[in-house]
N, C-alpha and C. Protein backbone atom coordinates (compact mmCIF):
# COMPACT_ATOMS: atom_id res chain seq x y z
N UNK A 1 112.89 76.60 93.58
CA UNK A 1 112.84 75.37 94.16
C UNK A 1 113.25 74.25 93.15
N UNK A 2 113.21 74.51 91.93
CA UNK A 2 113.62 73.48 90.91
C UNK A 2 115.11 73.28 90.98
N UNK A 3 115.88 74.21 91.40
CA UNK A 3 117.35 74.10 91.52
C UNK A 3 117.68 72.98 92.44
N UNK A 4 116.92 72.75 93.52
CA UNK A 4 117.30 71.76 94.59
C UNK A 4 117.09 70.33 94.09
N UNK A 5 116.39 70.15 92.95
CA UNK A 5 116.14 68.72 92.39
C UNK A 5 117.35 68.36 91.57
N UNK A 6 118.27 69.22 91.25
CA UNK A 6 119.39 68.91 90.43
C UNK A 6 120.64 68.76 91.33
N UNK A 7 121.72 68.05 90.76
CA UNK A 7 122.91 67.99 91.59
C UNK A 7 123.65 69.34 91.52
N UNK A 8 124.68 69.50 92.28
CA UNK A 8 125.35 70.75 92.45
C UNK A 8 126.05 71.21 91.19
N UNK A 9 126.58 70.23 90.43
CA UNK A 9 127.31 70.59 89.19
C UNK A 9 126.35 71.15 88.16
N UNK A 10 125.20 70.48 88.05
CA UNK A 10 124.16 70.93 87.11
C UNK A 10 123.71 72.35 87.52
N UNK A 11 123.54 72.54 88.80
CA UNK A 11 123.06 73.83 89.29
C UNK A 11 124.09 74.91 88.98
N UNK A 12 125.40 74.64 89.28
CA UNK A 12 126.45 75.57 88.93
C UNK A 12 126.50 75.99 87.51
N UNK A 13 126.41 74.95 86.56
CA UNK A 13 126.46 75.25 85.18
C UNK A 13 125.24 76.07 84.72
N UNK A 14 124.07 75.82 85.24
CA UNK A 14 122.95 76.54 84.91
C UNK A 14 123.08 78.03 85.37
N UNK A 15 123.55 78.18 86.51
CA UNK A 15 123.73 79.57 87.03
C UNK A 15 124.79 80.33 86.30
N UNK A 16 125.85 79.68 85.86
CA UNK A 16 126.93 80.26 85.13
C UNK A 16 126.34 80.68 83.75
N UNK A 17 125.63 79.85 83.16
CA UNK A 17 125.04 80.20 81.82
C UNK A 17 124.03 81.37 81.90
N UNK A 18 123.24 81.32 82.94
CA UNK A 18 122.14 82.35 83.10
C UNK A 18 122.64 83.70 83.58
N UNK A 19 123.60 83.67 84.61
CA UNK A 19 123.99 84.94 85.19
C UNK A 19 125.41 85.43 84.90
N UNK A 20 126.24 84.63 84.28
CA UNK A 20 127.53 85.02 83.89
C UNK A 20 128.69 84.63 84.82
N UNK A 21 129.78 85.36 84.78
CA UNK A 21 130.98 84.93 85.49
C UNK A 21 130.90 85.08 87.02
N UNK A 22 130.07 85.99 87.48
CA UNK A 22 129.97 86.30 88.91
C UNK A 22 128.46 86.13 89.31
N UNK A 23 128.26 85.23 90.24
CA UNK A 23 126.85 85.00 90.68
C UNK A 23 126.76 85.26 92.22
N UNK A 24 125.93 86.07 92.67
CA UNK A 24 125.66 86.35 94.02
C UNK A 24 124.40 85.62 94.48
N UNK A 25 124.52 84.78 95.54
CA UNK A 25 123.48 84.02 96.01
C UNK A 25 123.51 84.06 97.61
N UNK A 26 122.66 83.30 98.15
CA UNK A 26 122.69 83.21 99.67
C UNK A 26 122.63 81.80 100.12
N UNK A 27 123.36 81.49 101.20
CA UNK A 27 123.27 80.24 101.93
C UNK A 27 122.60 80.55 103.26
N UNK A 28 121.28 80.44 103.22
CA UNK A 28 120.58 80.98 104.37
C UNK A 28 120.62 82.47 104.33
N UNK A 29 121.15 83.08 105.37
CA UNK A 29 121.27 84.55 105.45
C UNK A 29 122.74 84.99 105.06
N UNK A 30 123.60 84.02 104.76
CA UNK A 30 124.96 84.43 104.39
C UNK A 30 125.15 84.61 102.96
N UNK A 31 125.62 85.78 102.56
CA UNK A 31 125.87 86.06 101.09
C UNK A 31 126.99 85.18 100.60
N UNK A 32 126.87 84.68 99.37
CA UNK A 32 127.89 83.85 98.77
C UNK A 32 128.19 84.38 97.36
N UNK A 33 129.41 84.58 97.04
CA UNK A 33 129.80 84.99 95.68
C UNK A 33 130.41 83.75 94.94
N UNK A 34 129.81 83.36 93.88
CA UNK A 34 130.34 82.27 93.07
C UNK A 34 131.06 82.85 91.87
N UNK A 35 132.25 82.52 91.67
CA UNK A 35 133.16 83.10 90.64
C UNK A 35 133.48 82.06 89.62
N UNK A 36 133.15 82.36 88.29
CA UNK A 36 133.45 81.47 87.24
C UNK A 36 134.44 82.04 86.20
N UNK A 37 135.44 82.76 86.73
CA UNK A 37 136.38 83.40 85.86
C UNK A 37 137.81 82.99 86.30
N UNK A 38 138.51 82.19 85.50
CA UNK A 38 139.82 81.74 85.92
C UNK A 38 140.88 82.76 86.17
N UNK A 39 140.80 83.84 85.38
CA UNK A 39 141.79 84.97 85.55
C UNK A 39 141.53 85.65 86.90
N UNK A 40 140.25 85.89 87.21
CA UNK A 40 139.92 86.61 88.44
C UNK A 40 140.29 85.68 89.67
N UNK A 41 140.03 84.42 89.58
CA UNK A 41 140.46 83.52 90.64
C UNK A 41 141.88 83.48 90.82
N UNK A 42 142.70 83.43 89.72
CA UNK A 42 144.15 83.43 89.77
C UNK A 42 144.64 84.80 90.50
N UNK A 43 144.08 85.89 90.12
CA UNK A 43 144.34 87.14 90.81
C UNK A 43 144.10 87.08 92.33
N UNK A 44 142.96 86.52 92.65
CA UNK A 44 142.52 86.49 94.07
C UNK A 44 143.37 85.49 94.86
N UNK A 45 143.53 84.25 94.38
CA UNK A 45 144.19 83.20 95.16
C UNK A 45 145.69 83.08 94.97
N UNK A 46 146.26 83.71 93.98
CA UNK A 46 147.68 83.72 93.84
C UNK A 46 148.29 84.99 94.26
N UNK A 47 147.89 86.12 93.60
CA UNK A 47 148.44 87.44 93.94
C UNK A 47 148.03 87.99 95.26
N UNK A 48 146.80 87.58 95.68
CA UNK A 48 146.26 88.11 96.98
C UNK A 48 146.03 86.90 97.92
N UNK A 49 146.93 85.99 97.93
CA UNK A 49 146.86 84.78 98.65
C UNK A 49 146.63 85.05 100.18
N UNK A 50 147.25 86.03 100.78
CA UNK A 50 147.21 86.21 102.25
C UNK A 50 145.82 86.73 102.66
N UNK A 51 145.06 87.28 101.69
CA UNK A 51 143.72 87.76 102.05
C UNK A 51 142.71 86.57 102.15
N UNK A 52 142.96 85.51 101.45
CA UNK A 52 142.05 84.42 101.39
C UNK A 52 142.63 83.10 102.08
N UNK A 53 143.01 83.26 103.40
CA UNK A 53 143.60 82.12 104.09
C UNK A 53 142.54 81.20 104.67
N UNK A 54 141.34 81.67 104.89
CA UNK A 54 140.31 80.88 105.47
C UNK A 54 139.06 81.15 104.74
N UNK A 55 138.12 80.16 104.81
CA UNK A 55 136.80 80.36 104.22
C UNK A 55 135.79 79.90 105.32
N UNK A 56 134.53 80.04 104.93
CA UNK A 56 133.49 79.71 105.96
C UNK A 56 133.58 78.25 106.17
N UNK A 57 133.11 77.87 107.28
CA UNK A 57 133.14 76.43 107.81
C UNK A 57 132.06 75.66 107.10
N UNK A 58 132.43 74.52 106.51
CA UNK A 58 131.47 73.62 105.85
C UNK A 58 131.55 72.30 106.62
N UNK A 59 130.44 71.82 107.11
CA UNK A 59 130.45 70.58 107.91
C UNK A 59 130.20 69.37 107.02
N UNK A 60 131.19 68.47 106.95
CA UNK A 60 131.06 67.19 106.16
C UNK A 60 131.28 66.00 107.11
N UNK A 61 131.79 66.18 108.21
CA UNK A 61 132.12 65.00 109.08
C UNK A 61 133.73 64.83 109.17
N UNK A 62 134.02 64.12 110.14
CA UNK A 62 135.50 63.87 110.47
C UNK A 62 136.32 63.34 109.25
N UNK A 63 135.73 62.53 108.44
CA UNK A 63 136.51 61.93 107.38
C UNK A 63 137.09 62.99 106.46
N UNK A 64 136.44 64.19 106.36
CA UNK A 64 136.82 65.24 105.48
C UNK A 64 137.59 66.37 106.12
N UNK A 65 137.83 66.33 107.44
CA UNK A 65 138.46 67.40 108.21
C UNK A 65 139.81 67.82 107.60
N UNK A 66 140.56 66.95 106.97
CA UNK A 66 141.88 67.31 106.50
C UNK A 66 141.92 67.42 104.96
N UNK A 67 140.83 67.55 104.34
CA UNK A 67 140.81 67.79 102.86
C UNK A 67 140.94 69.31 102.60
N UNK A 68 141.34 69.63 101.43
CA UNK A 68 141.55 71.02 101.07
C UNK A 68 140.19 71.77 101.18
N UNK A 69 139.14 71.11 100.87
CA UNK A 69 137.83 71.75 100.80
C UNK A 69 137.44 72.29 102.18
N UNK A 70 137.71 71.55 103.25
CA UNK A 70 137.23 71.97 104.61
C UNK A 70 138.27 72.30 105.66
N UNK A 71 139.54 71.97 105.33
CA UNK A 71 140.59 72.26 106.33
C UNK A 71 140.73 73.79 106.51
N UNK A 72 141.37 74.14 107.69
CA UNK A 72 141.47 75.56 107.96
C UNK A 72 142.87 75.87 108.50
N UNK A 73 143.19 77.11 108.64
CA UNK A 73 144.42 77.55 109.24
C UNK A 73 145.65 77.04 108.69
N UNK A 74 146.61 76.63 109.62
CA UNK A 74 147.91 76.14 109.13
C UNK A 74 147.83 74.92 108.23
N UNK A 75 146.95 73.98 108.55
CA UNK A 75 146.85 72.78 107.70
C UNK A 75 146.40 73.15 106.29
N UNK A 76 145.42 74.04 106.21
CA UNK A 76 144.95 74.50 104.88
C UNK A 76 146.09 75.20 104.09
N UNK A 77 146.82 76.08 104.81
CA UNK A 77 147.93 76.81 104.14
C UNK A 77 148.98 75.84 103.63
N UNK A 78 149.34 74.88 104.47
CA UNK A 78 150.33 73.83 104.04
C UNK A 78 149.88 72.99 102.79
N UNK A 79 148.63 72.53 102.85
CA UNK A 79 148.09 71.80 101.76
C UNK A 79 148.03 72.65 100.45
N UNK A 80 147.62 73.87 100.66
CA UNK A 80 147.47 74.76 99.48
C UNK A 80 148.85 75.09 98.84
N UNK A 81 149.82 75.21 99.71
CA UNK A 81 151.19 75.55 99.20
C UNK A 81 151.68 74.33 98.39
N UNK A 82 151.35 73.14 98.77
CA UNK A 82 151.79 71.90 98.03
C UNK A 82 151.14 71.86 96.67
N UNK A 83 149.77 72.09 96.59
CA UNK A 83 149.11 71.93 95.32
C UNK A 83 149.01 73.13 94.46
N UNK A 84 149.43 74.27 94.98
CA UNK A 84 149.40 75.54 94.15
C UNK A 84 150.05 75.41 92.74
N UNK A 85 151.21 74.74 92.64
CA UNK A 85 151.82 74.65 91.29
C UNK A 85 150.92 73.98 90.31
N UNK A 86 149.97 73.17 90.76
CA UNK A 86 149.02 72.53 89.80
C UNK A 86 148.00 73.45 89.21
N UNK A 87 147.89 74.64 89.84
CA UNK A 87 146.90 75.63 89.40
C UNK A 87 147.48 76.84 88.72
N UNK A 88 148.65 76.69 88.11
CA UNK A 88 149.27 77.79 87.38
C UNK A 88 148.39 78.16 86.18
N UNK A 89 148.60 79.42 85.74
CA UNK A 89 147.74 79.85 84.69
C UNK A 89 147.90 78.94 83.37
N UNK A 90 149.07 78.44 83.11
CA UNK A 90 149.29 77.56 82.01
C UNK A 90 148.48 76.26 82.08
N UNK A 91 148.52 75.70 83.31
CA UNK A 91 147.79 74.43 83.54
C UNK A 91 146.31 74.63 83.46
N UNK A 92 145.82 75.79 84.05
CA UNK A 92 144.45 76.04 84.02
C UNK A 92 143.94 76.26 82.58
N UNK A 93 144.69 76.98 81.74
CA UNK A 93 144.29 77.22 80.39
C UNK A 93 144.14 75.83 79.63
N UNK A 94 145.02 74.94 79.95
CA UNK A 94 144.92 73.62 79.28
C UNK A 94 143.67 72.84 79.57
N UNK A 95 143.08 73.20 80.73
CA UNK A 95 141.79 72.51 81.17
C UNK A 95 140.68 73.14 80.35
């Protein structure tokens, strides 16, 4: 219950420190895998891009419908194609 008193970034950092690069948790009854490994993410989202074309639906309201975080389908693929160069391994390592 203490986790819910913190903001999401603090919670993520605490879970990363406590459990490592891969954290399995639940959002209600839905299993969620949180990944904190840049190389694994690059492998999944660059080399196996076609497998990860959609994610679970997160409801934020109409103002967010076209953001990368919650868009889906063709709009998500179009947006991701535009920003993908910004997430190259070289640029991620500099962060």
